[in-house]
Structure formats: structure tokens, C-alpha cells
Amino acid sequence: MNGQMDGGFIPVATLDVLDAGGRAVVQVDGVAVALFRVGEEILAVADACPHRAGPLSEGDLVGDVVHCPLHTWPFDLRSGLCTRHPGVQVRTYAVRIQGAHILVSASGRVPTP
């Protein structure tokens, strides 16, 4: 899926790729973005930990916190903030659902501490 839609959102996947607790990696303007299904919500963050570029999509997910698989740094998927190291954050992306499609903002969003 590709092609930008209204408001800068890009269709990246369909809902059937993410079951409960599921995850997927998609490309948004050439950047790997990890999608996580947390309850009924889909959250999106850059797939590279800012510490050593570990793939967050492969980390342990506990609630809405993903732990980097390399050094277990925990990142809040809603804010992007590392809960262990203040000031460290990963880019988050706004997500919309349109029918059966998952759309991700091409510009992302930088969390505010």
C-alpha cells in the first residue's frame, strides 16, 4: 500500500495483519515504522531504538511499553519517551483507521515531555 491521502496520512496495512497484541513493520516515506496493537488501539513508533538502533518491533511488549531487544530500554508507545532514561525518545506516528485500512502520518509526531 502506498500513496498519500488527505492530511498527509499514508495507507500502510490492513487491520487483519495485526491480531490482539500483534505487531508489524511498515515503511513510511522510506522509514521503518513499527505498528503495535494494544487493546483496540494501534500505536506506531520508529522501528529503531535511538540508543543502538535495535528493532523495537522485536522487543518485549508489556502493556503500552516496548523494550528494546538489545539493551531492554523501555519506550512508552504513546509518548515515545524512554521510561528509564529521561530525555531519550523515539519518534511516534499518528495513526488513523479508515475502514479496514491502517493509515500512518507521513510527518510523524514528536512527543512533548
Protein backbone atom coordinates (compact mmCIF):
# COMPACT_ATOMS: atom_id res chain seq x y z
CA MET A 1 0.00 0.00 0.00
CA ASN A 2 1.25 3.44 -0.75
CA GLY A 3 0.10 6.87 -1.81
CA GLN A 4 -0.59 9.78 0.48
CA MET A 5 -4.16 10.54 1.48
CA ASP A 6 -5.87 13.58 2.91
CA GLY A 7 -3.97 15.17 5.79
CA GLY A 8 -0.65 13.52 5.00
CA PHE A 9 -1.72 10.04 6.10
CA ILE A 10 -0.46 7.04 4.14
CA PRO A 11 -2.23 3.65 4.00
CA VAL A 12 0.35 1.12 5.20
CA ALA A 13 -1.52 -2.07 6.08
CA THR A 14 -4.90 -3.61 6.73
CA LEU A 15 -6.28 -4.43 10.15
CA ASP A 16 -6.09 -8.17 9.55
CA VAL A 17 -2.27 -8.08 9.78
CA LEU A 18 -2.47 -7.13 13.47
CA ASP A 19 -4.27 -9.52 15.78
CA ALA A 20 -4.55 -8.80 19.52
CA GLY A 21 -1.07 -7.98 20.79
CA GLY A 22 0.22 -8.13 17.24
CA ARG A 23 2.92 -6.08 15.59
CA ALA A 24 4.15 -5.33 12.10
CA VAL A 25 6.81 -3.24 10.39
CA VAL A 26 5.79 -0.94 7.56
CA GLN A 27 7.57 1.68 5.50
CA VAL A 28 6.54 5.34 5.77
CA ASP A 29 8.45 7.54 3.33
CA GLY A 30 11.42 5.17 3.47
CA VAL A 31 11.46 4.89 7.27
CA ALA A 32 10.73 1.61 9.07
CA VAL A 33 7.79 2.14 11.42
CA ALA A 34 6.64 -0.45 13.95
CA LEU A 35 2.89 -0.89 14.46
CA PHE A 36 1.64 -2.40 17.72
CA ARG A 37 -1.92 -3.41 18.58
CA VAL A 38 -2.55 -2.54 22.23
CA GLY A 39 -6.10 -3.47 23.12
CA GLU A 40 -8.31 -1.89 20.47
CA GLU A 41 -5.72 0.77 19.64
CA ILE A 42 -2.90 0.75 17.10
CA LEU A 43 0.25 2.66 18.06
CA ALA A 44 3.18 3.47 15.79
CA VAL A 45 6.82 4.34 16.51
CA ALA A 46 10.04 4.41 14.53
CA ASP A 47 11.38 0.85 14.49
CA ALA A 48 14.90 1.84 15.59
CA CYS A 49 15.83 2.40 19.22
CA PRO A 50 17.73 5.70 19.46
CA HIS A 51 20.39 4.03 21.63
CA ARG A 52 21.80 1.34 19.30
CA ALA A 53 19.13 1.10 16.56
CA GLY A 54 17.66 -2.13 17.93
CA PRO A 55 14.43 -3.12 16.13
CA LEU A 56 11.69 -2.17 18.58
CA SER A 57 9.26 -4.37 16.65
CA GLU A 58 11.19 -7.37 18.04
CA GLY A 59 11.15 -6.18 21.65
CA ASP A 60 9.03 -7.39 24.54
CA LEU A 61 5.69 -5.59 24.78
CA VAL A 62 4.25 -5.03 28.26
CA GLY A 63 1.03 -3.03 28.12
CA ASP A 64 1.87 0.04 26.06
CA VAL A 65 5.62 -0.14 26.71
CA VAL A 66 8.05 -1.86 24.33
CA HIS A 67 11.50 -2.93 25.50
CA CYS A 68 14.36 -2.70 23.02
CA PRO A 69 15.64 -6.22 22.29
CA LEU A 70 19.29 -5.15 22.55
CA HIS A 71 19.52 -3.49 25.97
CA THR A 72 15.89 -3.60 27.21
CA TRP A 73 15.43 0.17 27.20
CA PRO A 74 11.67 0.71 27.74
CA PHE A 75 9.73 3.10 25.49
CA ASP A 76 6.19 4.31 26.07
CA LEU A 77 4.42 3.75 22.75
CA ARG A 78 2.06 6.70 23.29
CA SER A 79 4.65 9.37 24.06
CA GLY A 80 7.82 7.80 22.65
CA LEU A 81 9.65 8.60 25.88
CA CYS A 82 12.14 6.17 27.39
CA THR A 83 10.92 5.46 30.90
CA ARG A 84 14.42 4.59 32.13
CA HIS A 85 16.49 7.42 30.61
CA PRO A 86 14.90 10.89 30.76
CA GLY A 87 15.34 12.90 27.60
CA VAL A 88 15.62 9.86 25.32
CA GLN A 89 12.72 9.32 22.96
CA VAL A 90 11.68 7.56 19.81
CA ARG A 91 9.56 9.21 17.13
CA THR A 92 5.88 8.38 17.33
CA TYR A 93 3.43 8.47 14.45
CA ALA A 94 -0.24 9.40 14.44
CA VAL A 95 -2.47 6.53 13.29
CA ARG A 96 -5.93 6.58 11.76
CA ILE A 97 -8.20 3.69 10.87
CA GLN A 98 -10.25 4.06 7.70
CA GLY A 99 -12.46 1.07 7.06
CA ALA A 100 -10.11 -1.93 7.17
CA HIS A 101 -7.02 0.17 6.46
CA ILE A 102 -4.35 1.45 8.84
CA LEU A 103 -3.08 4.91 7.89
CA VAL A 104 0.05 6.48 9.38
CA SER A 105 1.01 10.16 9.32
CA ALA A 106 3.90 10.75 6.94
CA SER A 107 5.24 13.53 9.17
CA GLY A 108 5.07 11.56 12.39
CA ARG A 109 4.79 13.47 15.61
CA VAL A 110 7.45 14.33 18.12
CA PRO A 111 6.30 13.68 21.69
CA THR A 112 6.20 16.52 24.14
CA PRO A 113 7.76 15.67 27.51
